[in-house]
Amino acid sequence: MVDRHELRRITLIQDMSDAHLDILGSAGTLKIFSNDTVLFHEQQILDQCYMILTGTVNLEVQPDPDVIITLESLEAGACFGLSSLVPGSESQSNAVCAETCELACFSAQKLYELMDVHQEFGFAFLYRIVRTFRNRMEHRTQLFLRALQNHPELQHLFDIH
């Protein structure tokens, strides 16, 4: 069980009603993970989502055994592993604790059951997740376009005449 006051610290759900936070909290578990704990690996089927209460989690890829690229550093208030709510989804990166972290952990299966029983909660929760995915997609699209604009062979495509 995760107390609603803890959940209020999570950006995605901070504006949800007390009743909805209580429903969500009933499915969660508070866990503390030490530095360098790998929460999931790249291409692992996801079955949990996480909300960071304290600490930092890095999303990383390792294209070569000697090279680790940090895609994003997530801090308190962030959520990750949300694609676990799409059955069969694989992670696109490793999730590694950069320091000791306190996380609210949620089984995707338990969340499915809650959303089925409490449909108003389910709508409110999924709406926030869709909004988050849209924001991430827009941000990553802008990063991709900026990378293309800086590529020497493609710069002429972005020249303004």
C-alpha atoms as a PDB file:
ATOM      1  CA  MET A   1       0.000   0.000   0.000  1.00  0.00           C
ATOM      2  CA  VAL A   2       1.256   3.473  -0.871  1.00  0.00           C
ATOM      3  CA  ASP A   3      -0.203   6.409   1.047  1.00  0.00           C
ATOM      4  CA  ARG A   4      -1.910   9.130  -0.996  1.00  0.00           C
ATOM      5  CA  HIS A   5       0.401  11.754   0.524  1.00  0.00           C
ATOM      6  CA  GLU A   6       3.376   9.932  -1.011  1.00  0.00           C
ATOM      7  CA  LEU A   7       1.580   9.698  -4.375  1.00  0.00           C
ATOM      8  CA  ARG A   8       0.838  13.450  -4.371  1.00  0.00           C
ATOM      9  CA  ARG A   9       4.581  13.955  -4.933  1.00  0.00           C
ATOM     10  CA  ILE A  10       4.336  12.275  -8.354  1.00  0.00           C
ATOM     11  CA  THR A  11       3.885  14.805 -11.163  1.00  0.00           C
ATOM     12  CA  LEU A  12       1.700  12.528 -13.321  1.00  0.00           C
ATOM     13  CA  ILE A  13      -0.969  12.085 -10.648  1.00  0.00           C
ATOM     14  CA  GLN A  14      -0.507  14.992  -8.239  1.00  0.00           C
ATOM     15  CA  ASP A  15      -3.851  16.518  -9.203  1.00  0.00           C
ATOM     16  CA  MET A  16      -5.930  13.325  -8.900  1.00  0.00           C
ATOM     17  CA  SER A  17      -8.659  13.182  -6.264  1.00  0.00           C
ATOM     18  CA  ASP A  18      -7.950  11.655  -2.854  1.00  0.00           C
ATOM     19  CA  ALA A  19     -10.335   8.815  -3.699  1.00  0.00           C
ATOM     20  CA  HIS A  20      -8.458   8.010  -6.920  1.00  0.00           C
ATOM     21  CA  LEU A  21      -5.086   8.190  -5.173  1.00  0.00           C
ATOM     22  CA  ASP A  22      -6.376   5.805  -2.500  1.00  0.00           C
ATOM     23  CA  ILE A  23      -7.470   3.365  -5.219  1.00  0.00           C
ATOM     24  CA  LEU A  24      -4.074   3.599  -6.906  1.00  0.00           C
ATOM     25  CA  GLY A  25      -2.195   3.361  -3.620  1.00  0.00           C
ATOM     26  CA  SER A  26      -3.960   0.113  -2.758  1.00  0.00           C
ATOM     27  CA  ALA A  27      -2.138  -1.592  -5.651  1.00  0.00           C
ATOM     28  CA  GLY A  28       1.312  -0.209  -4.909  1.00  0.00           C
ATOM     29  CA  THR A  29       4.271  -1.316  -2.867  1.00  0.00           C
ATOM     30  CA  LEU A  30       6.986   0.928  -1.444  1.00  0.00           C
ATOM     31  CA  LYS A  31      10.475  -0.409  -2.058  1.00  0.00           C
ATOM     32  CA  ILE A  32      13.969   0.915  -1.448  1.00  0.00           C
ATOM     33  CA  PHE A  33      16.685   0.072  -3.980  1.00  0.00           C
ATOM     34  CA  SER A  34      20.405   0.653  -3.577  1.00  0.00           C
ATOM     35  CA  ASN A  35      22.771   2.422  -5.925  1.00  0.00           C
ATOM     36  CA  ASP A  36      23.442   0.523  -9.194  1.00  0.00           C
ATOM     37  CA  THR A  37      20.375  -1.716  -8.841  1.00  0.00           C
ATOM     38  CA  VAL A  38      19.106  -2.641 -12.307  1.00  0.00           C
ATOM     39  CA  LEU A  39      15.307  -2.448 -12.243  1.00  0.00           C
ATOM     40  CA  PHE A  40      14.909  -3.794 -15.771  1.00  0.00           C
ATOM     41  CA  HIS A  41      17.052  -4.500 -18.817  1.00  0.00           C
ATOM     42  CA  GLU A  42      16.745  -3.379 -22.416  1.00  0.00           C
ATOM     43  CA  GLN A  43      14.304  -5.590 -24.375  1.00  0.00           C
ATOM     44  CA  GLN A  44      12.862  -7.084 -21.180  1.00  0.00           C
ATOM     45  CA  ILE A  45       9.091  -7.612 -21.153  1.00  0.00           C
ATOM     46  CA  LEU A  46       7.772  -5.044 -18.694  1.00  0.00           C
ATOM     47  CA  ASP A  47       5.238  -5.983 -16.037  1.00  0.00           C
ATOM     48  CA  GLN A  48       5.778  -3.158 -13.520  1.00  0.00           C
ATOM     49  CA  CYS A  49       5.632   0.595 -13.565  1.00  0.00           C
ATOM     50  CA  TYR A  50       7.474   2.797 -11.105  1.00  0.00           C
ATOM     51  CA  MET A  51       7.071   6.188  -9.463  1.00  0.00           C
ATOM     52  CA  ILE A  52      10.138   7.812  -7.923  1.00  0.00           C
ATOM     53  CA  LEU A  53       9.619   9.165  -4.417  1.00  0.00           C
ATOM     54  CA  THR A  54      13.306   9.812  -3.672  1.00  0.00           C
ATOM     55  CA  GLY A  55      16.514   9.334  -5.627  1.00  0.00           C
ATOM     56  CA  THR A  56      17.481   9.222  -9.283  1.00  0.00           C
ATOM     57  CA  VAL A  57      17.016   6.489 -11.887  1.00  0.00           C
ATOM     58  CA  ASN A  58      18.961   6.545 -15.150  1.00  0.00           C
ATOM     59  CA  LEU A  59      17.545   5.147 -18.370  1.00  0.00           C
ATOM     60  CA  GLU A  60      20.530   3.785 -20.269  1.00  0.00           C
ATOM     61  CA  VAL A  61      21.499   1.846 -23.357  1.00  0.00           C
ATOM     62  CA  GLN A  62      24.724  -0.050 -23.832  1.00  0.00           C
ATOM     63  CA  PRO A  63      25.531  -0.307 -27.553  1.00  0.00           C
ATOM     64  CA  ASP A  64      28.968  -1.722 -26.737  1.00  0.00           C
ATOM     65  CA  PRO A  65      30.251  -3.469 -23.570  1.00  0.00           C
ATOM     66  CA  ASP A  66      32.517  -0.481 -22.902  1.00  0.00           C
ATOM     67  CA  VAL A  67      29.963   2.236 -23.691  1.00  0.00           C
ATOM     68  CA  ILE A  68      26.940   3.276 -21.637  1.00  0.00           C
ATOM     69  CA  ILE A  69      24.733   6.088 -22.934  1.00  0.00           C
ATOM     70  CA  THR A  70      22.379   7.742 -20.450  1.00  0.00           C
ATOM     71  CA  LEU A  71      19.193   8.670 -22.293  1.00  0.00           C
ATOM     72  CA  GLU A  72      17.541  10.340 -19.339  1.00  0.00           C
ATOM     73  CA  SER A  73      18.014  10.876 -15.612  1.00  0.00           C
ATOM     74  CA  LEU A  74      14.702  10.683 -13.806  1.00  0.00           C
ATOM     75  CA  GLU A  75      14.301  12.295 -10.404  1.00  0.00           C
ATOM     76  CA  ALA A  76      11.730  12.331  -7.622  1.00  0.00           C
ATOM     77  CA  GLY A  77       8.242  12.899  -8.997  1.00  0.00           C
ATOM     78  CA  ALA A  78       8.856  11.018 -12.255  1.00  0.00           C
ATOM     79  CA  CYS A  79       7.235   7.822 -13.542  1.00  0.00           C
ATOM     80  CA  PHE A  80       8.755   5.197 -15.807  1.00  0.00           C
ATOM     81  CA  GLY A  81       7.881   1.773 -17.101  1.00  0.00           C
ATOM     82  CA  LEU A  82       4.427   3.061 -18.048  1.00  0.00           C
ATOM     83  CA  SER A  83       4.498   1.041 -21.251  1.00  0.00           C
ATOM     84  CA  SER A  84       4.068  -2.018 -19.014  1.00  0.00           C
ATOM     85  CA  LEU A  85       0.371  -1.157 -19.293  1.00  0.00           C
ATOM     86  CA  VAL A  86       0.548  -2.303 -22.923  1.00  0.00           C
ATOM     87  CA  PRO A  87       0.749  -6.107 -22.681  1.00  0.00           C
ATOM     88  CA  GLY A  88       3.916  -7.560 -24.156  1.00  0.00           C
ATOM     89  CA  SER A  89       5.804  -4.257 -24.247  1.00  0.00           C
ATOM     90  CA  GLU A  90       9.574  -4.482 -24.126  1.00  0.00           C
ATOM     91  CA  SER A  91      11.782  -1.904 -22.491  1.00  0.00           C
ATOM     92  CA  GLN A  92      13.845   0.251 -24.822  1.00  0.00           C
ATOM     93  CA  SER A  93      16.557   0.824 -22.216  1.00  0.00           C
ATOM     94  CA  ASN A  94      17.990  -0.332 -18.910  1.00  0.00           C
ATOM     95  CA  ALA A  95      16.687   1.344 -15.753  1.00  0.00           C
ATOM     96  CA  VAL A  96      19.464   1.713 -13.174  1.00  0.00           C
ATOM     97  CA  CYS A  97      19.353   3.419  -9.783  1.00  0.00           C
ATOM     98  CA  ALA A  98      21.945   6.213  -9.770  1.00  0.00           C
ATOM     99  CA  GLU A  99      21.660   6.421  -5.984  1.00  0.00           C
ATOM    100  CA  THR A 100      19.541   4.884  -3.243  1.00  0.00           C
ATOM    101  CA  CYS A 101      15.917   5.232  -4.390  1.00  0.00           C
ATOM    102  CA  GLU A 102      12.531   4.880  -2.796  1.00  0.00           C
ATOM    103  CA  LEU A 103      10.043   3.802  -5.439  1.00  0.00           C
ATOM    104  CA  ALA A 104       6.331   3.120  -5.518  1.00  0.00           C
ATOM    105  CA  CYS A 105       6.045  -0.057  -7.599  1.00  0.00           C
ATOM    106  CA  PHE A 106       2.874  -1.152  -9.370  1.00  0.00           C
ATOM    107  CA  SER A 107       2.116  -4.454 -11.035  1.00  0.00           C
ATOM    108  CA  ALA A 108       0.573  -3.854 -14.448  1.00  0.00           C
ATOM    109  CA  GLN A 109      -1.827  -6.746 -13.818  1.00  0.00           C
ATOM    110  CA  LYS A 110      -3.082  -5.169 -10.567  1.00  0.00           C
ATOM    111  CA  LEU A 111      -3.524  -1.846 -12.347  1.00  0.00           C
ATOM    112  CA  TYR A 112      -5.584  -3.532 -15.106  1.00  0.00           C
ATOM    113  CA  GLU A 113      -7.841  -5.037 -12.458  1.00  0.00           C
ATOM    114  CA  LEU A 114      -8.242  -1.707 -10.644  1.00  0.00           C
ATOM    115  CA  MET A 115      -9.058   0.158 -13.856  1.00  0.00           C
ATOM    116  CA  ASP A 116     -11.651  -2.476 -14.754  1.00  0.00           C
ATOM    117  CA  VAL A 117     -13.383  -2.301 -11.364  1.00  0.00           C
ATOM    118  CA  HIS A 118     -12.994   1.477 -10.896  1.00  0.00           C
ATOM    119  CA  GLN A 119     -13.548   2.771 -14.413  1.00  0.00           C
ATOM    120  CA  GLU A 120     -13.674   6.446 -13.481  1.00  0.00           C
ATOM    121  CA  PHE A 121     -10.259   6.049 -11.858  1.00  0.00           C
ATOM    122  CA  GLY A 122      -9.077   4.087 -14.916  1.00  0.00           C
ATOM    123  CA  PHE A 123     -10.107   6.871 -17.275  1.00  0.00           C
ATOM    124  CA  ALA A 124      -8.424   9.557 -15.150  1.00  0.00           C
ATOM    125  CA  PHE A 125      -5.222   7.522 -14.838  1.00  0.00           C
ATOM    126  CA  LEU A 126      -4.989   6.538 -18.507  1.00  0.00           C
ATOM    127  CA  TYR A 127      -5.772  10.098 -19.616  1.00  0.00           C
ATOM    128  CA  ARG A 128      -2.717  11.293 -17.694  1.00  0.00           C
ATOM    129  CA  ILE A 129      -0.558   8.554 -19.193  1.00  0.00           C
ATOM    130  CA  VAL A 130      -1.661   9.383 -22.744  1.00  0.00           C
ATOM    131  CA  ARG A 131      -0.884  13.057 -22.084  1.00  0.00           C
ATOM    132  CA  THR A 132       2.567  12.058 -20.796  1.00  0.00           C
ATOM    133  CA  PHE A 133       3.249   9.906 -23.867  1.00  0.00           C
ATOM    134  CA  ARG A 134       2.199  12.772 -26.152  1.00  0.00           C
ATOM    135  CA  ASN A 135       4.535  15.192 -24.377  1.00  0.00           C
ATOM    136  CA  ARG A 136       7.431  12.737 -24.567  1.00  0.00           C
ATOM    137  CA  MET A 137       6.761  12.083 -28.252  1.00  0.00           C
ATOM    138  CA  GLU A 138       6.726  15.808 -29.040  1.00  0.00           C
ATOM    139  CA  HIS A 139       9.947  16.357 -27.090  1.00  0.00           C
ATOM    140  CA  ARG A 140      11.739  13.454 -28.755  1.00  0.00           C
ATOM    141  CA  THR A 141      10.514  14.518 -32.192  1.00  0.00           C
ATOM    142  CA  GLN A 142      12.046  17.959 -31.614  1.00  0.00           C
ATOM    143  CA  LEU A 143      15.336  16.349 -30.520  1.00  0.00           C
ATOM    144  CA  PHE A 144      15.332  14.146 -33.624  1.00  0.00           C
ATOM    145  CA  LEU A 145      14.659  17.092 -35.941  1.00  0.00           C
ATOM    146  CA  ARG A 146      17.402  19.118 -34.271  1.00  0.00           C
ATOM    147  CA  ALA A 147      19.819  16.222 -34.829  1.00  0.00           C
ATOM    148  CA  LEU A 148      18.825  16.077 -38.490  1.00  0.00           C
ATOM    149  CA  GLN A 149      19.304  19.830 -38.882  1.00  0.00           C
ATOM    150  CA  ASN A 150      22.844  19.478 -37.542  1.00  0.00           C
ATOM    151  CA  HIS A 151      23.757  16.608 -39.851  1.00  0.00           C
ATOM    152  CA  PRO A 152      26.091  17.997 -42.562  1.00  0.00           C
ATOM    153  CA  GLU A 153      24.531  16.013 -45.414  1.00  0.00           C
ATOM    154  CA  LEU A 154      20.986  17.066 -44.502  1.00  0.00           C
ATOM    155  CA  GLN A 155      21.433  20.718 -43.542  1.00  0.00           C
ATOM    156  CA  HIS A 156      20.422  21.895 -47.011  1.00  0.00           C
ATOM    157  CA  LEU A 157      16.945  20.394 -46.468  1.00  0.00           C
ATOM    158  CA  PHE A 158      16.373  22.750 -43.550  1.00  0.00           C
ATOM    159  CA  ASP A 159      17.776  25.905 -45.125  1.00  0.00           C
ATOM    160  CA  ILE A 160      15.274  28.722 -45.124  1.00  0.00           C
ATOM    161  CA  HIS A 161      15.299  30.609 -48.411  1.00  0.00           C
END
